[in-house]
């Protein structure tokens, strides 16, 4: 099965409301001068805090601290949550004297954005990089799930039909 780059790239660019929110997030991050790779990179504590917030929803610093895998100072957690807020990953509002944080995006939206960023990086690189990405993707999918490989092939055909209706190559 040979894939053309245009069809494969299009497969990853399906626009949904969820993706539009993430596109807005990325544009805001890049407009503030952050490099794309840095804007999506999270440290281990940031990742752990995001997991806690995705699991528990709206939460204060005081409620997060005991849920951590290791003991940390209240101020460390507070500073890290503030950084995640400034990165645009968390929303917050004041409740009494403390901030209450909630995720700006679902875990699925975040994972989709990170995966899209990885794919976009490969696709924007040299031709060899693109071929490597597609080859690795097909190998990995084929090794783990032959039915998924069939699904991918059907989606590519469908996407090609859609693009030809629009008059795109």
C-alpha atoms as a PDB file:
ATOM      1  CA  UNK A   1       0.000   0.000   0.000  1.00  0.00           C
ATOM      2  CA  UNK A   2       1.631   3.234  -1.119  1.00  0.00           C
ATOM      3  CA  UNK A   3       0.477   6.508   0.403  1.00  0.00           C
ATOM      4  CA  UNK A   4       0.817   9.917  -1.139  1.00  0.00           C
ATOM      5  CA  UNK A   5       1.932  12.631   1.231  1.00  0.00           C
ATOM      6  CA  UNK A   6      -0.993  14.927   0.449  1.00  0.00           C
ATOM      7  CA  UNK A   7      -3.592  12.334   1.454  1.00  0.00           C
ATOM      8  CA  UNK A   8      -1.719  11.382   4.609  1.00  0.00           C
ATOM      9  CA  UNK A   9      -1.173  14.966   5.681  1.00  0.00           C
ATOM     10  CA  UNK A  10      -4.834  15.710   5.039  1.00  0.00           C
ATOM     11  CA  UNK A  11      -5.820  12.775   7.224  1.00  0.00           C
ATOM     12  CA  UNK A  12      -4.213  14.514  10.186  1.00  0.00           C
ATOM     13  CA  UNK A  13      -5.751  17.924   9.449  1.00  0.00           C
ATOM     14  CA  UNK A  14      -9.452  17.189   9.801  1.00  0.00           C
ATOM     15  CA  UNK A  15     -10.959  20.343  11.288  1.00  0.00           C
ATOM     16  CA  UNK A  16     -13.370  19.898  14.175  1.00  0.00           C
ATOM     17  CA  UNK A  17     -14.494  22.279  16.884  1.00  0.00           C
ATOM     18  CA  UNK A  18     -12.130  20.559  19.293  1.00  0.00           C
ATOM     19  CA  UNK A  19      -9.206  21.062  16.952  1.00  0.00           C
ATOM     20  CA  UNK A  20     -10.153  24.674  16.299  1.00  0.00           C
ATOM     21  CA  UNK A  21      -9.829  25.357  20.035  1.00  0.00           C
ATOM     22  CA  UNK A  22      -6.384  23.799  20.034  1.00  0.00           C
ATOM     23  CA  UNK A  23      -5.377  25.759  16.919  1.00  0.00           C
ATOM     24  CA  UNK A  24      -6.369  28.942  18.717  1.00  0.00           C
ATOM     25  CA  UNK A  25      -4.307  27.859  21.709  1.00  0.00           C
ATOM     26  CA  UNK A  26      -1.253  27.246  19.530  1.00  0.00           C
ATOM     27  CA  UNK A  27      -1.634  30.576  17.711  1.00  0.00           C
ATOM     28  CA  UNK A  28      -1.814  32.401  21.034  1.00  0.00           C
ATOM     29  CA  UNK A  29       1.280  30.581  22.300  1.00  0.00           C
ATOM     30  CA  UNK A  30       3.248  31.370  19.156  1.00  0.00           C
ATOM     31  CA  UNK A  31       2.067  34.998  19.151  1.00  0.00           C
ATOM     32  CA  UNK A  32       3.539  35.395  22.627  1.00  0.00           C
ATOM     33  CA  UNK A  33       6.942  34.434  21.258  1.00  0.00           C
ATOM     34  CA  UNK A  34       7.101  30.851  22.502  1.00  0.00           C
ATOM     35  CA  UNK A  35       8.718  28.321  20.243  1.00  0.00           C
ATOM     36  CA  UNK A  36       6.242  25.680  19.132  1.00  0.00           C
ATOM     37  CA  UNK A  37       8.173  22.809  20.675  1.00  0.00           C
ATOM     38  CA  UNK A  38       8.567  24.641  23.986  1.00  0.00           C
ATOM     39  CA  UNK A  39       4.899  25.590  24.140  1.00  0.00           C
ATOM     40  CA  UNK A  40       3.911  21.925  24.089  1.00  0.00           C
ATOM     41  CA  UNK A  41       6.660  20.624  26.352  1.00  0.00           C
ATOM     42  CA  UNK A  42       5.715  19.854  29.940  1.00  0.00           C
ATOM     43  CA  UNK A  43       7.999  18.947  32.798  1.00  0.00           C
ATOM     44  CA  UNK A  44       7.305  15.939  34.995  1.00  0.00           C
ATOM     45  CA  UNK A  45       5.598  17.998  37.720  1.00  0.00           C
ATOM     46  CA  UNK A  46       3.539  19.902  35.152  1.00  0.00           C
ATOM     47  CA  UNK A  47       2.438  16.606  33.586  1.00  0.00           C
ATOM     48  CA  UNK A  48       1.507  15.160  36.970  1.00  0.00           C
ATOM     49  CA  UNK A  49      -0.494  18.263  37.877  1.00  0.00           C
ATOM     50  CA  UNK A  50      -2.329  18.161  34.550  1.00  0.00           C
ATOM     51  CA  UNK A  51      -3.201  14.493  35.155  1.00  0.00           C
ATOM     52  CA  UNK A  52      -4.594  15.374  38.600  1.00  0.00           C
ATOM     53  CA  UNK A  53      -6.663  18.223  37.185  1.00  0.00           C
ATOM     54  CA  UNK A  54      -7.972  16.081  34.316  1.00  0.00           C
ATOM     55  CA  UNK A  55      -8.991  13.416  36.829  1.00  0.00           C
ATOM     56  CA  UNK A  56     -10.499  15.673  39.476  1.00  0.00           C
ATOM     57  CA  UNK A  57     -11.656  18.733  37.532  1.00  0.00           C
ATOM     58  CA  UNK A  58     -11.759  22.111  39.243  1.00  0.00           C
ATOM     59  CA  UNK A  59      -9.263  22.039  42.113  1.00  0.00           C
ATOM     60  CA  UNK A  60      -7.396  24.366  44.464  1.00  0.00           C
ATOM     61  CA  UNK A  61      -3.693  24.171  45.288  1.00  0.00           C
ATOM     62  CA  UNK A  62      -4.595  22.916  48.772  1.00  0.00           C
ATOM     63  CA  UNK A  63      -6.555  20.006  47.243  1.00  0.00           C
ATOM     64  CA  UNK A  64      -3.818  19.127  44.747  1.00  0.00           C
ATOM     65  CA  UNK A  65      -0.876  18.905  47.167  1.00  0.00           C
ATOM     66  CA  UNK A  66      -1.955  15.650  48.913  1.00  0.00           C
ATOM     67  CA  UNK A  67      -2.657  13.972  45.562  1.00  0.00           C
ATOM     68  CA  UNK A  68       0.945  14.307  44.361  1.00  0.00           C
ATOM     69  CA  UNK A  69       3.223  11.266  44.116  1.00  0.00           C
ATOM     70  CA  UNK A  70       5.861  12.974  46.279  1.00  0.00           C
ATOM     71  CA  UNK A  71       5.712  15.614  48.995  1.00  0.00           C
ATOM     72  CA  UNK A  72       6.174  19.142  47.689  1.00  0.00           C
ATOM     73  CA  UNK A  73       5.839  22.569  49.229  1.00  0.00           C
ATOM     74  CA  UNK A  74       2.536  24.349  48.760  1.00  0.00           C
ATOM     75  CA  UNK A  75       4.366  27.260  47.105  1.00  0.00           C
ATOM     76  CA  UNK A  76       6.046  24.944  44.574  1.00  0.00           C
ATOM     77  CA  UNK A  77       2.677  23.562  43.503  1.00  0.00           C
ATOM     78  CA  UNK A  78       1.168  27.043  43.449  1.00  0.00           C
ATOM     79  CA  UNK A  79       3.990  28.367  41.229  1.00  0.00           C
ATOM     80  CA  UNK A  80       3.736  25.416  38.853  1.00  0.00           C
ATOM     81  CA  UNK A  81      -0.042  25.773  38.516  1.00  0.00           C
ATOM     82  CA  UNK A  82       0.465  29.476  37.815  1.00  0.00           C
ATOM     83  CA  UNK A  83       2.945  28.588  35.052  1.00  0.00           C
ATOM     84  CA  UNK A  84       0.436  26.168  33.524  1.00  0.00           C
ATOM     85  CA  UNK A  85      -2.154  28.952  33.652  1.00  0.00           C
ATOM     86  CA  UNK A  86       0.258  31.341  31.912  1.00  0.00           C
ATOM     87  CA  UNK A  87       0.952  28.684  29.254  1.00  0.00           C
ATOM     88  CA  UNK A  88      -2.787  28.630  28.566  1.00  0.00           C
ATOM     89  CA  UNK A  89      -3.345  25.067  29.770  1.00  0.00           C
ATOM     90  CA  UNK A  90      -5.385  25.989  32.841  1.00  0.00           C
ATOM     91  CA  UNK A  91      -8.222  28.349  33.598  1.00  0.00           C
ATOM     92  CA  UNK A  92      -8.580  29.816  37.055  1.00  0.00           C
ATOM     93  CA  UNK A  93     -10.872  31.935  39.158  1.00  0.00           C
ATOM     94  CA  UNK A  94     -10.658  33.312  42.656  1.00  0.00           C
ATOM     95  CA  UNK A  95     -12.593  31.567  45.411  1.00  0.00           C
ATOM     96  CA  UNK A  96     -12.222  33.384  48.715  1.00  0.00           C
ATOM     97  CA  UNK A  97      -8.491  34.108  48.883  1.00  0.00           C
ATOM     98  CA  UNK A  98      -7.223  31.257  46.702  1.00  0.00           C
ATOM     99  CA  UNK A  99      -7.312  30.408  43.028  1.00  0.00           C
ATOM    100  CA  UNK A 100      -9.253  27.393  41.815  1.00  0.00           C
ATOM    101  CA  UNK A 101      -7.800  25.815  38.669  1.00  0.00           C
ATOM    102  CA  UNK A 102      -9.407  23.742  35.927  1.00  0.00           C
ATOM    103  CA  UNK A 103      -8.005  22.373  32.654  1.00  0.00           C
ATOM    104  CA  UNK A 104      -8.549  24.541  29.571  1.00  0.00           C
ATOM    105  CA  UNK A 105      -8.532  21.425  27.385  1.00  0.00           C
ATOM    106  CA  UNK A 106      -9.417  17.782  27.809  1.00  0.00           C
ATOM    107  CA  UNK A 107      -6.667  15.165  27.976  1.00  0.00           C
ATOM    108  CA  UNK A 108      -7.761  13.976  24.517  1.00  0.00           C
ATOM    109  CA  UNK A 109      -7.494  17.485  23.053  1.00  0.00           C
ATOM    110  CA  UNK A 110      -4.028  17.884  24.553  1.00  0.00           C
ATOM    111  CA  UNK A 111      -2.821  14.502  23.267  1.00  0.00           C
ATOM    112  CA  UNK A 112      -4.206  15.256  19.815  1.00  0.00           C
ATOM    113  CA  UNK A 113      -2.361  18.578  19.759  1.00  0.00           C
ATOM    114  CA  UNK A 114       0.909  17.006  20.847  1.00  0.00           C
ATOM    115  CA  UNK A 115       0.562  14.237  18.251  1.00  0.00           C
ATOM    116  CA  UNK A 116      -0.351  16.796  15.594  1.00  0.00           C
ATOM    117  CA  UNK A 117       2.684  18.876  16.504  1.00  0.00           C
ATOM    118  CA  UNK A 118       4.935  15.835  16.170  1.00  0.00           C
ATOM    119  CA  UNK A 119       3.462  14.923  12.792  1.00  0.00           C
ATOM    120  CA  UNK A 120       3.582  18.529  11.563  1.00  0.00           C
ATOM    121  CA  UNK A 121       7.254  18.686  12.529  1.00  0.00           C
ATOM    122  CA  UNK A 122       8.027  15.637  10.423  1.00  0.00           C
ATOM    123  CA  UNK A 123       5.898  16.810   7.511  1.00  0.00           C
ATOM    124  CA  UNK A 124       7.531  20.244   7.448  1.00  0.00           C
ATOM    125  CA  UNK A 125      10.990  18.677   7.360  1.00  0.00           C
ATOM    126  CA  UNK A 126      12.929  17.253   4.442  1.00  0.00           C
ATOM    127  CA  UNK A 127      11.283  14.682   2.146  1.00  0.00           C
ATOM    128  CA  UNK A 128      13.223  11.848   3.834  1.00  0.00           C
ATOM    129  CA  UNK A 129      11.714  12.846   7.188  1.00  0.00           C
ATOM    130  CA  UNK A 130       8.220  12.578   5.747  1.00  0.00           C
ATOM    131  CA  UNK A 131       8.867   9.147   4.301  1.00  0.00           C
ATOM    132  CA  UNK A 132      10.314   7.989   7.610  1.00  0.00           C
ATOM    133  CA  UNK A 133       7.244   9.162   9.526  1.00  0.00           C
ATOM    134  CA  UNK A 134       4.825   7.418   7.174  1.00  0.00           C
ATOM    135  CA  UNK A 135       6.900   4.249   7.075  1.00  0.00           C
ATOM    136  CA  UNK A 136       7.148   4.080  10.880  1.00  0.00           C
ATOM    137  CA  UNK A 137       3.453   4.807  11.273  1.00  0.00           C
ATOM    138  CA  UNK A 138       2.453   2.046   8.885  1.00  0.00           C
ATOM    139  CA  UNK A 139       4.901  -0.427  10.459  1.00  0.00           C
ATOM    140  CA  UNK A 140       3.703   0.325  13.994  1.00  0.00           C
ATOM    141  CA  UNK A 141       0.026   0.159  13.086  1.00  0.00           C
ATOM    142  CA  UNK A 142       0.543  -3.046  11.096  1.00  0.00           C
ATOM    143  CA  UNK A 143       2.371  -4.736  13.990  1.00  0.00           C
ATOM    144  CA  UNK A 144      -0.228  -3.821  16.595  1.00  0.00           C
ATOM    145  CA  UNK A 145      -3.550  -3.820  14.817  1.00  0.00           C
ATOM    146  CA  UNK A 146      -4.192  -5.040  11.273  1.00  0.00           C
ATOM    147  CA  UNK A 147      -7.813  -3.829  11.452  1.00  0.00           C
ATOM    148  CA  UNK A 148      -6.592  -0.320  12.240  1.00  0.00           C
ATOM    149  CA  UNK A 149      -4.409  -0.479   9.147  1.00  0.00           C
ATOM    150  CA  UNK A 150      -7.545  -1.298   7.107  1.00  0.00           C
ATOM    151  CA  UNK A 151      -9.371   1.599   8.775  1.00  0.00           C
ATOM    152  CA  UNK A 152      -6.500   3.924   7.931  1.00  0.00           C
ATOM    153  CA  UNK A 153      -6.611   2.819   4.300  1.00  0.00           C
ATOM    154  CA  UNK A 154     -10.380   3.479   4.139  1.00  0.00           C
ATOM    155  CA  UNK A 155      -9.932   6.915   5.692  1.00  0.00           C
ATOM    156  CA  UNK A 156      -7.250   7.772   3.167  1.00  0.00           C
ATOM    157  CA  UNK A 157      -9.524   6.742   0.272  1.00  0.00           C
ATOM    158  CA  UNK A 158     -12.368   8.778   1.754  1.00  0.00           C
ATOM    159  CA  UNK A 159     -10.130  11.798   2.220  1.00  0.00           C
ATOM    160  CA  UNK A 160      -8.865  11.542  -1.353  1.00  0.00           C
ATOM    161  CA  UNK A 161     -12.442  11.513  -2.642  1.00  0.00           C
ATOM    162  CA  UNK A 162     -13.259  14.551  -0.538  1.00  0.00           C
ATOM    163  CA  UNK A 163     -10.199  16.418  -1.806  1.00  0.00           C
ATOM    164  CA  UNK A 164     -10.954  15.549  -5.444  1.00  0.00           C
ATOM    165  CA  UNK A 165     -14.518  16.895  -4.986  1.00  0.00           C
ATOM    166  CA  UNK A 166     -12.977  20.149  -3.783  1.00  0.00           C
ATOM    167  CA  UNK A 167     -10.613  20.168  -6.749  1.00  0.00           C
ATOM    168  CA  UNK A 168      -7.468  19.715  -4.655  1.00  0.00           C
ATOM    169  CA  UNK A 169      -4.712  17.301  -5.766  1.00  0.00           C
END
